Amino acid sequence: MIQAIRPTSKASLLLQCLLASKGDVEDARKLYDYFAEALPDLPPYDPVQPTWQESTKETVNGVMAWLKENQDTLANGYEFIRNVIANRGLSQEPPSAPLPPINDVT
């Protein structure tokens, strides 16, 4: 059970130690003290996860910033694709002579 202890905060460490000691408070306290001494920078509580709205807002802002930074490159790519579609990627000259069949051995 000790291998399953993955503390993200002091509160989660305390709960995981209690679980690992199968409810024995004394053993849980000893285990907690052992880990807490080795991890002095552990925050008291787990950080609050951002809401869906906050995550979405951050993502959209990141995409908009990227689009603003790369607008010239995107415009050049758009023009290139328009030109390829307009010209169909083919030259305007007809082929000089028809190609012979592949199976024709002479």
PDB file of N, CA and C in Angstrom:
ATOM      1  N   MET A   1       0.820  -1.201   0.000  1.00  0.00           N
ATOM      2  CA  MET A   1       0.000   0.000   0.000  1.00  0.00           C
ATOM      3  C   MET A   1       0.859   1.258   0.000  1.00  0.00           C
ATOM      4  N   ILE A   2       2.067   1.186   0.554  1.00  0.00           N
ATOM      5  CA  ILE A   2       2.920   2.366   0.621  1.00  0.00           C
ATOM      6  C   ILE A   2       3.320   2.806  -0.790  1.00  0.00           C
ATOM      7  N   GLN A   3       3.441   1.875  -1.712  1.00  0.00           N
ATOM      8  CA  GLN A   3       3.804   2.220  -3.084  1.00  0.00           C
ATOM      9  C   GLN A   3       2.709   3.050  -3.755  1.00  0.00           C
ATOM     10  N   ALA A   4       1.490   2.957  -3.292  1.00  0.00           N
ATOM     11  CA  ALA A   4       0.369   3.675  -3.897  1.00  0.00           C
ATOM     12  C   ALA A   4       0.279   5.122  -3.405  1.00  0.00           C
ATOM     13  N   ILE A   5       1.103   5.508  -2.437  1.00  0.00           N
ATOM     14  CA  ILE A   5       1.050   6.872  -1.905  1.00  0.00           C
ATOM     15  C   ILE A   5       1.696   7.816  -2.907  1.00  0.00           C
ATOM     16  N   ARG A   6       0.885   8.734  -3.429  1.00  0.00           N
ATOM     17  CA  ARG A   6       1.337   9.748  -4.376  1.00  0.00           C
ATOM     18  C   ARG A   6       0.776  11.093  -3.903  1.00  0.00           C
ATOM     19  N   PRO A   7       1.457  11.733  -2.953  1.00  0.00           N
ATOM     20  CA  PRO A   7       0.885  12.951  -2.360  1.00  0.00           C
ATOM     21  C   PRO A   7       0.970  14.157  -3.305  1.00  0.00           C
ATOM     22  N   THR A   8      -0.113  14.893  -3.374  1.00  0.00           N
ATOM     23  CA  THR A   8      -0.136  16.155  -4.101  1.00  0.00           C
ATOM     24  C   THR A   8      -0.289  17.322  -3.137  1.00  0.00           C
ATOM     25  N   SER A   9      -0.640  17.008  -1.888  1.00  0.00           N
ATOM     26  CA  SER A   9      -0.759  18.019  -0.838  1.00  0.00           C
ATOM     27  C   SER A   9      -0.659  17.315   0.512  1.00  0.00           C
ATOM     28  N   LYS A  10      -0.544  18.108   1.555  1.00  0.00           N
ATOM     29  CA  LYS A  10      -0.479  17.518   2.903  1.00  0.00           C
ATOM     30  C   LYS A  10      -1.790  16.824   3.253  1.00  0.00           C
ATOM     31  N   ALA A  11      -2.898  17.401   2.809  1.00  0.00           N
ATOM     32  CA  ALA A  11      -4.203  16.795   3.090  1.00  0.00           C
ATOM     33  C   ALA A  11      -4.333  15.443   2.398  1.00  0.00           C
ATOM     34  N   SER A  12      -3.921  15.354   1.138  1.00  0.00           N
ATOM     35  CA  SER A  12      -4.017  14.071   0.435  1.00  0.00           C
ATOM     36  C   SER A  12      -3.026  13.067   1.006  1.00  0.00           C
ATOM     37  N   LEU A  13      -1.853  13.545   1.445  1.00  0.00           N
ATOM     38  CA  LEU A  13      -0.876  12.654   2.081  1.00  0.00           C
ATOM     39  C   LEU A  13      -1.454  12.055   3.350  1.00  0.00           C
ATOM     40  N   LEU A  14      -2.117  12.862   4.158  1.00  0.00           N
ATOM     41  CA  LEU A  14      -2.707  12.370   5.403  1.00  0.00           C
ATOM     42  C   LEU A  14      -3.767  11.304   5.123  1.00  0.00           C
ATOM     43  N   LEU A  15      -4.622  11.547   4.140  1.00  0.00           N
ATOM     44  CA  LEU A  15      -5.661  10.564   3.800  1.00  0.00           C
ATOM     45  C   LEU A  15      -5.059   9.283   3.238  1.00  0.00           C
ATOM     46  N   GLN A  16      -4.024   9.402   2.409  1.00  0.00           N
ATOM     47  CA  GLN A  16      -3.394   8.218   1.828  1.00  0.00           C
ATOM     48  C   GLN A  16      -2.650   7.417   2.897  1.00  0.00           C
ATOM     49  N   CYS A  17      -2.041   8.099   3.865  1.00  0.00           N
ATOM     50  CA  CYS A  17      -1.369   7.395   4.961  1.00  0.00           C
ATOM     51  C   CYS A  17      -2.385   6.658   5.822  1.00  0.00           C
ATOM     52  N   LEU A  18      -3.528   7.269   6.062  1.00  0.00           N
ATOM     53  CA  LEU A  18      -4.583   6.612   6.839  1.00  0.00           C
ATOM     54  C   LEU A  18      -5.103   5.389   6.101  1.00  0.00           C
ATOM     55  N   LEU A  19      -5.238   5.488   4.797  1.00  0.00           N
ATOM     56  CA  LEU A  19      -5.687   4.355   3.994  1.00  0.00           C
ATOM     57  C   LEU A  19      -4.635   3.253   3.993  1.00  0.00           C
ATOM     58  N   ALA A  20      -3.370   3.631   3.862  1.00  0.00           N
ATOM     59  CA  ALA A  20      -2.293   2.642   3.819  1.00  0.00           C
ATOM     60  C   ALA A  20      -2.128   1.922   5.157  1.00  0.00           C
ATOM     61  N   SER A  21      -2.442   2.616   6.256  1.00  0.00           N
ATOM     62  CA  SER A  21      -2.307   1.989   7.581  1.00  0.00           C
ATOM     63  C   SER A  21      -3.579   1.266   8.006  1.00  0.00           C
ATOM     64  N   LYS A  22      -4.538   1.166   7.087  1.00  0.00           N
ATOM     65  CA  LYS A  22      -5.799   0.445   7.310  1.00  0.00           C
ATOM     66  C   LYS A  22      -6.563   0.961   8.522  1.00  0.00           C
ATOM     67  N   GLY A  23      -6.557   2.287   8.678  1.00  0.00           N
ATOM     68  CA  GLY A  23      -7.351   2.908   9.733  1.00  0.00           C
ATOM     69  C   GLY A  23      -6.642   3.062  11.063  1.00  0.00           C
ATOM     70  N   ASP A  24      -5.454   2.554  11.224  1.00  0.00           N
ATOM     71  CA  ASP A  24      -4.708   2.701  12.475  1.00  0.00           C
ATOM     72  C   ASP A  24      -4.120   4.106  12.520  1.00  0.00           C
ATOM     73  N   VAL A  25      -4.662   4.947  13.400  1.00  0.00           N
ATOM     74  CA  VAL A  25      -4.303   6.356  13.446  1.00  0.00           C
ATOM     75  C   VAL A  25      -2.841   6.552  13.837  1.00  0.00           C
ATOM     76  N   GLU A  26      -2.342   5.764  14.782  1.00  0.00           N
ATOM     77  CA  GLU A  26      -0.943   5.893  15.212  1.00  0.00           C
ATOM     78  C   GLU A  26       0.015   5.584  14.071  1.00  0.00           C
ATOM     79  N   ASP A  27      -0.235   4.495  13.367  1.00  0.00           N
ATOM     80  CA  ASP A  27       0.618   4.142  12.233  1.00  0.00           C
ATOM     81  C   ASP A  27       0.510   5.190  11.119  1.00  0.00           C
ATOM     82  N   ALA A  28      -0.693   5.698  10.909  1.00  0.00           N
ATOM     83  CA  ALA A  28      -0.897   6.720   9.886  1.00  0.00           C
ATOM     84  C   ALA A  28      -0.117   7.980  10.234  1.00  0.00           C
ATOM     85  N   ARG A  29      -0.121   8.366  11.506  1.00  0.00           N
ATOM     86  CA  ARG A  29       0.598   9.561  11.945  1.00  0.00           C
ATOM     87  C   ARG A  29       2.107   9.379  11.748  1.00  0.00           C
ATOM     88  N   LYS A  30       2.629   8.203  12.093  1.00  0.00           N
ATOM     89  CA  LYS A  30       4.065   7.932  11.919  1.00  0.00           C
ATOM     90  C   LYS A  30       4.442   7.980  10.433  1.00  0.00           C
ATOM     91  N   LEU A  31       3.613   7.372   9.614  1.00  0.00           N
ATOM     92  CA  LEU A  31       3.865   7.361   8.178  1.00  0.00           C
ATOM     93  C   LEU A  31       3.789   8.775   7.606  1.00  0.00           C
ATOM     94  N   TYR A  32       2.798   9.538   8.054  1.00  0.00           N
ATOM     95  CA  TYR A  32       2.647  10.918   7.602  1.00  0.00           C
ATOM     96  C   TYR A  32       3.865  11.749   7.990  1.00  0.00           C
ATOM     97  N   ASP A  33       4.303  11.629   9.249  1.00  0.00           N
ATOM     98  CA  ASP A  33       5.478  12.383   9.706  1.00  0.00           C
ATOM     99  C   ASP A  33       6.716  12.030   8.897  1.00  0.00           C
ATOM    100  N   TYR A  34       6.860  10.755   8.552  1.00  0.00           N
ATOM    101  CA  TYR A  34       7.998  10.306   7.768  1.00  0.00           C
ATOM    102  C   TYR A  34       8.003  10.975   6.384  1.00  0.00           C
ATOM    103  N   PHE A  35       6.854  10.946   5.713  1.00  0.00           N
ATOM    104  CA  PHE A  35       6.765  11.546   4.383  1.00  0.00           C
ATOM    105  C   PHE A  35       6.812  13.073   4.438  1.00  0.00           C
ATOM    106  N   ALA A  36       6.136  13.669   5.417  1.00  0.00           N
ATOM    107  CA  ALA A  36       6.088  15.126   5.519  1.00  0.00           C
ATOM    108  C   ALA A  36       7.484  15.700   5.765  1.00  0.00           C
ATOM    109  N   GLU A  37       8.311  14.982   6.492  1.00  0.00           N
ATOM    110  CA  GLU A  37       9.676  15.435   6.743  1.00  0.00           C
ATOM    111  C   GLU A  37      10.491  15.424   5.442  1.00  0.00           C
ATOM    112  N   ALA A  38      10.252  14.443   4.599  1.00  0.00           N
ATOM    113  CA  ALA A  38      10.980  14.325   3.336  1.00  0.00           C
ATOM    114  C   ALA A  38      10.452  15.293   2.273  1.00  0.00           C
ATOM    115  N   LEU A  39       9.217  15.766   2.441  1.00  0.00           N
ATOM    116  CA  LEU A  39       8.593  16.660   1.452  1.00  0.00           C
ATOM    117  C   LEU A  39       8.152  17.967   2.111  1.00  0.00           C
ATOM    118  N   PRO A  40       9.091  18.828   2.501  1.00  0.00           N
ATOM    119  CA  PRO A  40       8.705  20.041   3.236  1.00  0.00           C
ATOM    120  C   PRO A  40       7.970  21.078   2.377  1.00  0.00           C
ATOM    121  N   ASP A  41       8.123  21.037   1.057  1.00  0.00           N
ATOM    122  CA  ASP A  41       7.494  22.029   0.180  1.00  0.00           C
ATOM    123  C   ASP A  41       6.103  21.626  -0.283  1.00  0.00           C
ATOM    124  N   LEU A  42       5.561  20.572   0.264  1.00  0.00           N
ATOM    125  CA  LEU A  42       4.232  20.105  -0.123  1.00  0.00           C
ATOM    126  C   LEU A  42       3.183  21.135   0.300  1.00  0.00           C
ATOM    127  N   PRO A  43       2.296  21.555  -0.629  1.00  0.00           N
ATOM    128  CA  PRO A  43       1.270  22.546  -0.253  1.00  0.00           C
ATOM    129  C   PRO A  43       0.259  21.933   0.711  1.00  0.00           C
ATOM    130  N   PRO A  44      -0.395  22.772   1.498  1.00  0.00           N
ATOM    131  CA  PRO A  44      -1.360  22.247   2.472  1.00  0.00           C
ATOM    132  C   PRO A  44      -2.553  21.540   1.822  1.00  0.00           C
ATOM    133  N   TYR A  45      -3.047  22.083   0.714  1.00  0.00           N
ATOM    134  CA  TYR A  45      -4.207  21.508   0.027  1.00  0.00           C
ATOM    135  C   TYR A  45      -3.923  21.419  -1.466  1.00  0.00           C
ATOM    136  N   ASP A  46      -4.675  20.569  -2.146  1.00  0.00           N
ATOM    137  CA  ASP A  46      -4.541  20.443  -3.596  1.00  0.00           C
ATOM    138  C   ASP A  46      -4.979  21.752  -4.254  1.00  0.00           C
ATOM    139  N   PRO A  47      -4.294  22.154  -5.325  1.00  0.00           N
ATOM    140  CA  PRO A  47      -4.725  23.369  -6.026  1.00  0.00           C
ATOM    141  C   PRO A  47      -6.090  23.167  -6.668  1.00  0.00           C
ATOM    142  N   VAL A  48      -6.840  24.236  -6.743  1.00  0.00           N
ATOM    143  CA  VAL A  48      -8.185  24.180  -7.330  1.00  0.00           C
ATOM    144  C   VAL A  48      -8.036  24.092  -8.845  1.00  0.00           C
ATOM    145  N   GLN A  49      -8.707  23.113  -9.435  1.00  0.00           N
ATOM    146  CA  GLN A  49      -8.679  22.940 -10.885  1.00  0.00           C
ATOM    147  C   GLN A  49      -9.517  24.034 -11.538  1.00  0.00           C
ATOM    148  N   PRO A  50      -9.050  24.583 -12.674  1.00  0.00           N
ATOM    149  CA  PRO A  50      -9.847  25.603 -13.354  1.00  0.00           C
ATOM    150  C   PRO A  50     -11.161  25.009 -13.871  1.00  0.00           C
ATOM    151  N   THR A  51     -12.160  25.865 -13.944  1.00  0.00           N
ATOM    152  CA  THR A  51     -13.457  25.415 -14.445  1.00  0.00           C
ATOM    153  C   THR A  51     -13.371  25.207 -15.953  1.00  0.00           C
ATOM    154  N   TRP A  52     -14.392  24.571 -16.496  1.00  0.00           N
ATOM    155  CA  TRP A  52     -14.452  24.338 -17.942  1.00  0.00           C
ATOM    156  C   TRP A  52     -14.425  25.663 -18.685  1.00  0.00           C
ATOM    157  N   GLN A  53     -15.136  26.641 -18.166  1.00  0.00           N
ATOM    158  CA  GLN A  53     -15.207  27.948 -18.811  1.00  0.00           C
ATOM    159  C   GLN A  53     -13.834  28.625 -18.807  1.00  0.00           C
ATOM    160  N   GLU A  54     -13.121  28.555 -17.694  1.00  0.00           N
ATOM    161  CA  GLU A  54     -11.784  29.160 -17.616  1.00  0.00           C
ATOM    162  C   GLU A  54     -10.807  28.457 -18.559  1.00  0.00           C
ATOM    163  N   SER A  55     -10.871  27.135 -18.615  1.00  0.00           N
ATOM    164  CA  SER A  55      -9.994  26.383 -19.517  1.00  0.00           C
ATOM    165  C   SER A  55     -10.276  26.716 -20.980  1.00  0.00           C
ATOM    166  N   THR A  56     -11.556  26.797 -21.317  1.00  0.00           N
ATOM    167  CA  THR A  56     -11.957  27.114 -22.685  1.00  0.00           C
ATOM    168  C   THR A  56     -11.511  28.527 -23.061  1.00  0.00           C
ATOM    169  N   LYS A  57     -11.693  29.461 -22.149  1.00  0.00           N
ATOM    170  CA  LYS A  57     -11.300  30.848 -22.405  1.00  0.00           C
ATOM    171  C   LYS A  57      -9.794  30.936 -22.640  1.00  0.00           C
ATOM    172  N   GLU A  58      -9.015  30.237 -21.836  1.00  0.00           N
ATOM    173  CA  GLU A  58      -7.563  30.237 -21.982  1.00  0.00           C
ATOM    174  C   GLU A  58      -7.147  29.619 -23.325  1.00  0.00           C
ATOM    175  N   THR A  59      -7.798  28.534 -23.703  1.00  0.00           N
ATOM    176  CA  THR A  59      -7.486  27.877 -24.976  1.00  0.00           C
ATOM    177  C   THR A  59      -7.823  28.770 -26.155  1.00  0.00           C
ATOM    178  N   VAL A  60      -8.991  29.384 -26.132  1.00  0.00           N
ATOM    179  CA  VAL A  60      -9.405  30.261 -27.235  1.00  0.00           C
ATOM    180  C   VAL A  60      -8.468  31.458 -27.331  1.00  0.00           C
ATOM    181  N   ASN A  61      -8.089  32.029 -26.196  1.00  0.00           N
ATOM    182  CA  ASN A  61      -7.157  33.159 -26.219  1.00  0.00           C
ATOM    183  C   ASN A  61      -5.812  32.741 -26.812  1.00  0.00           C
ATOM    184  N   GLY A  62      -5.358  31.537 -26.497  1.00  0.00           N
ATOM    185  CA  GLY A  62      -4.112  31.033 -27.058  1.00  0.00           C
ATOM    186  C   GLY A  62      -4.190  30.843 -28.563  1.00  0.00           C
ATOM    187  N   VAL A  63      -5.311  30.306 -29.038  1.00  0.00           N
ATOM    188  CA  VAL A  63      -5.502  30.108 -30.479  1.00  0.00           C
ATOM    189  C   VAL A  63      -5.567  31.452 -31.199  1.00  0.00           C
ATOM    190  N   MET A  64      -6.279  32.405 -30.620  1.00  0.00           N
ATOM    191  CA  MET A  64      -6.385  33.724 -31.254  1.00  0.00           C
ATOM    192  C   MET A  64      -5.022  34.408 -31.308  1.00  0.00           C
ATOM    193  N   ALA A  65      -4.221  34.284 -30.267  1.00  0.00           N
ATOM    194  CA  ALA A  65      -2.874  34.869 -30.264  1.00  0.00           C
ATOM    195  C   ALA A  65      -2.012  34.213 -31.342  1.00  0.00           C
ATOM    196  N   TRP A  66      -2.129  32.896 -31.477  1.00  0.00           N
ATOM    197  CA  TRP A  66      -1.349  32.184 -32.498  1.00  0.00           C
ATOM    198  C   TRP A  66      -1.764  32.641 -33.897  1.00  0.00           C
ATOM    199  N   LEU A  67      -3.067  32.788 -34.127  1.00  0.00           N
ATOM    200  CA  LEU A  67      -3.554  33.242 -35.427  1.00  0.00           C
ATOM    201  C   LEU A  67      -3.038  34.645 -35.735  1.00  0.00           C
ATOM    202  N   LYS A  68      -3.030  35.519 -34.729  1.00  0.00           N
ATOM    203  CA  LYS A  68      -2.549  36.880 -34.928  1.00  0.00           C
ATOM    204  C   LYS A  68      -1.061  36.890 -35.264  1.00  0.00           C
ATOM    205  N   GLU A  69      -0.280  36.048 -34.592  1.00  0.00           N
ATOM    206  CA  GLU A  69       1.157  35.988 -34.841  1.00  0.00           C
ATOM    207  C   GLU A  69       1.476  35.405 -36.224  1.00  0.00           C
ATOM    208  N   ASN A  70       0.649  34.511 -36.709  1.00  0.00           N
ATOM    209  CA  ASN A  70       0.940  33.792 -37.952  1.00  0.00           C
ATOM    210  C   ASN A  70       0.019  34.176 -39.107  1.00  0.00           C
ATOM    211  N   GLN A  71      -0.616  35.331 -39.026  1.00  0.00           N
ATOM    212  CA  GLN A  71      -1.587  35.699 -40.057  1.00  0.00           C
ATOM    213  C   GLN A  71      -0.945  35.868 -41.425  1.00  0.00           C
ATOM    214  N   ASP A  72       0.295  36.364 -41.496  1.00  0.00           N
ATOM    215  CA  ASP A  72       0.950  36.520 -42.801  1.00  0.00           C
ATOM    216  C   ASP A  72       1.215  35.161 -43.442  1.00  0.00           C
ATOM    217  N   THR A  73       1.695  34.226 -42.664  1.00  0.00           N
ATOM    218  CA  THR A  73       1.975  32.887 -43.171  1.00  0.00           C
ATOM    219  C   THR A  73       0.692  32.208 -43.639  1.00  0.00           C
ATOM    220  N   LEU A  74      -0.357  32.353 -42.859  1.00  0.00           N
ATOM    221  CA  LEU A  74      -1.639  31.755 -43.232  1.00  0.00           C
ATOM    222  C   LEU A  74      -2.197  32.390 -44.508  1.00  0.00           C
ATOM    223  N   ALA A  75      -2.056  33.711 -44.648  1.00  0.00           N
ATOM    224  CA  ALA A  75      -2.549  34.390 -45.852  1.00  0.00           C
ATOM    225  C   ALA A  75      -1.764  33.932 -47.074  1.00  0.00           C
ATOM    226  N   ASN A  76      -0.452  33.774 -46.935  1.00  0.00           N
ATOM    227  CA  ASN A  76       0.362  33.290 -48.063  1.00  0.00           C
ATOM    228  C   ASN A  76      -0.033  31.864 -48.453  1.00  0.00           C
ATOM    229  N   GLY A  77      -0.279  31.016 -47.469  1.00  0.00           N
ATOM    230  CA  GLY A  77      -0.711  29.645 -47.748  1.00  0.00           C
ATOM    231  C   GLY A  77      -2.060  29.617 -48.434  1.00  0.00           C
ATOM    232  N   TYR A  78      -2.966  30.489 -48.001  1.00  0.00           N
ATOM    233  CA  TYR A  78      -4.290  30.573 -48.615  1.00  0.00           C
ATOM    234  C   TYR A  78      -4.175  31.001 -50.076  1.00  0.00           C
ATOM    235  N   GLU A  79      -3.360  31.997 -50.353  1.00  0.00           N
ATOM    236  CA  GLU A  79      -3.167  32.460 -51.736  1.00  0.00           C
ATOM    237  C   GLU A  79      -2.531  31.372 -52.590  1.00  0.00           C
ATOM    238  N   PHE A  80      -1.570  30.634 -52.028  1.00  0.00           N
ATOM    239  CA  PHE A  80      -0.933  29.541 -52.766  1.00  0.00           C
ATOM    240  C   PHE A  80      -1.964  28.483 -53.152  1.00  0.00           C
ATOM    241  N   ILE A  81      -2.802  28.093 -52.214  1.00  0.00           N
ATOM    242  CA  ILE A  81      -3.826  27.076 -52.480  1.00  0.00           C
ATOM    243  C   ILE A  81      -4.827  27.589 -53.508  1.00  0.00           C
ATOM    244  N   ARG A  82      -5.217  28.864 -53.421  1.00  0.00           N
ATOM    245  CA  ARG A  82      -6.135  29.435 -54.421  1.00  0.00           C
ATOM    246  C   ARG A  82      -5.527  29.390 -55.806  1.00  0.00           C
ATOM    247  N   ASN A  83      -4.247  29.705 -55.915  1.00  0.00           N
ATOM    248  CA  ASN A  83      -3.585  29.681 -57.221  1.00  0.00           C
ATOM    249  C   ASN A  83      -3.488  28.261 -57.771  1.00  0.00           C
ATOM    250  N   VAL A  84      -3.200  27.298 -56.909  1.00  0.00           N
ATOM    251  CA  VAL A  84      -3.117  25.914 -57.359  1.00  0.00           C
ATOM    252  C   VAL A  84      -4.477  25.444 -57.858  1.00  0.00           C
ATOM    253  N   ILE A  85      -5.526  25.797 -57.129  1.00  0.00           N
ATOM    254  CA  ILE A  85      -6.869  25.392 -57.545  1.00  0.00           C
ATOM    255  C   ILE A  85      -7.261  26.090 -58.842  1.00  0.00           C
ATOM    256  N   ALA A  86      -6.933  27.365 -58.970  1.00  0.00           N
ATOM    257  CA  ALA A  86      -7.290  28.117 -60.172  1.00  0.00           C
ATOM    258  C   ALA A  86      -6.550  27.578 -61.393  1.00  0.00           C
ATOM    259  N   ASN A  87      -5.296  27.208 -61.228  1.00  0.00           N
ATOM    260  CA  ASN A  87      -4.507  26.702 -62.353  1.00  0.00           C
ATOM    261  C   ASN A  87      -4.593  25.184 -62.471  1.00  0.00           C
ATOM    262  N   ARG A  88      -5.190  24.555 -61.509  1.00  0.00           N
ATOM    263  CA  ARG A  88      -5.340  23.101 -61.446  1.00  0.00           C
ATOM    264  C   ARG A  88      -3.985  22.398 -61.489  1.00  0.00           C
ATOM    265  N   GLY A  89      -2.931  23.127 -61.214  1.00  0.00           N
ATOM    266  CA  GLY A  89      -1.608  22.530 -61.157  1.00  0.00           C
ATOM    267  C   GLY A  89      -1.105  22.053 -62.501  1.00  0.00           C
ATOM    268  N   LEU A  90      -1.778  22.401 -63.617  1.00  0.00           N
ATOM    269  CA  LEU A  90      -1.393  21.937 -64.950  1.00  0.00           C
ATOM    270  C   LEU A  90      -0.899  23.110 -65.782  1.00  0.00           C
ATOM    271  N   SER A  91       0.018  22.834 -66.663  1.00  0.00           N
ATOM    272  CA  SER A  91       0.460  23.882 -67.588  1.00  0.00           C
ATOM    273  C   SER A  91      -0.613  24.054 -68.660  1.00  0.00           C
ATOM    274  N   GLN A  92      -0.596  25.193 -69.336  1.00  0.00           N
ATOM    275  CA  GLN A  92      -1.605  25.491 -70.340  1.00  0.00           C
ATOM    276  C   GLN A  92      -1.278  24.874 -71.707  1.00  0.00           C
ATOM    277  N   GLU A  93      -0.063  24.357 -71.894  1.00  0.00           N
ATOM    278  CA  GLU A  93       0.337  23.784 -73.187  1.00  0.00           C
ATOM    279  C   GLU A  93      -0.140  22.332 -73.292  1.00  0.00           C
ATOM    280  N   PRO A  94      -0.630  21.924 -74.473  1.00  0.00           N
ATOM    281  CA  PRO A  94      -1.026  20.518 -74.640  1.00  0.00           C
ATOM    282  C   PRO A  94       0.235  19.648 -74.717  1.00  0.00           C
ATOM    283  N   PRO A  95       0.138  18.366 -74.406  1.00  0.00           N
ATOM    284  CA  PRO A  95       1.310  17.488 -74.493  1.00  0.00           C
ATOM    285  C   PRO A  95       1.809  17.416 -75.929  1.00  0.00           C
ATOM    286  N   SER A  96       3.113  17.225 -76.106  1.00  0.00           N
ATOM    287  CA  SER A  96       3.722  17.247 -77.439  1.00  0.00           C
ATOM    288  C   SER A  96       3.312  16.037 -78.279  1.00  0.00           C
ATOM    289  N   ALA A  97       3.296  14.845 -77.704  1.00  0.00           N
ATOM    290  CA  ALA A  97       2.921  13.652 -78.458  1.00  0.00           C
ATOM    291  C   ALA A  97       2.325  12.647 -77.481  1.00  0.00           C
ATOM    292  N   PRO A  98       1.388  11.821 -77.953  1.00  0.00           N
ATOM    293  CA  PRO A  98       0.825  10.817 -77.043  1.00  0.00           C
ATOM    294  C   PRO A  98       1.898   9.799 -76.647  1.00  0.00           C
ATOM    295  N   LEU A  99       1.818   9.317 -75.454  1.00  0.00           N
ATOM    296  CA  LEU A  99       2.765   8.322 -74.961  1.00  0.00           C
ATOM    297  C   LEU A  99       2.390   6.953 -75.500  1.00  0.00           C
ATOM    298  N   PRO A 100       3.390   6.105 -75.830  1.00  0.00           N
ATOM    299  CA  PRO A 100       3.065   4.765 -76.309  1.00  0.00           C
ATOM    300  C   PRO A 100       2.570   3.905 -75.151  1.00  0.00           C
ATOM    301  N   PRO A 101       1.809   2.847 -75.436  1.00  0.00           N
ATOM    302  CA  PRO A 101       1.325   1.961 -74.395  1.00  0.00           C
ATOM    303  C   PRO A 101       2.509   1.302 -73.668  1.00  0.00           C
ATOM    304  N   ILE A 102       2.352   0.988 -72.416  1.00  0.00           N
ATOM    305  CA  ILE A 102       3.415   0.432 -71.596  1.00  0.00           C
ATOM    306  C   ILE A 102       3.760  -0.992 -72.058  1.00  0.00           C
ATOM    307  N   ASN A 103       2.782  -1.781 -72.452  1.00  0.00           N
ATOM    308  CA  ASN A 103       3.027  -3.187 -72.838  1.00  0.00           C
ATOM    309  C   ASN A 103       3.554  -3.336 -74.250  1.00  0.00           C
ATOM    310  N   ASP A 104       3.665  -2.269 -74.991  1.00  0.00           N
ATOM    311  CA  ASP A 104       4.107  -2.317 -76.375  1.00  0.00           C
ATOM    312  C   ASP A 104       5.633  -2.441 -76.418  1.00  0.00           C
ATOM    313  N   VAL A 105       6.140  -3.626 -76.781  1.00  0.00           N
ATOM    314  CA  VAL A 105       7.584  -3.850 -76.854  1.00  0.00           C
ATOM    315  C   VAL A 105       7.950  -3.928 -78.324  1.00  0.00           C
ATOM    316  N   THR A 106       8.763  -3.025 -78.787  1.00  0.00           N
ATOM    317  CA  THR A 106       9.179  -3.063 -80.196  1.00  0.00           C
ATOM    318  C   THR A 106      10.651  -2.987 -80.335  1.00  0.00           C
TER     319      THR A 106
END
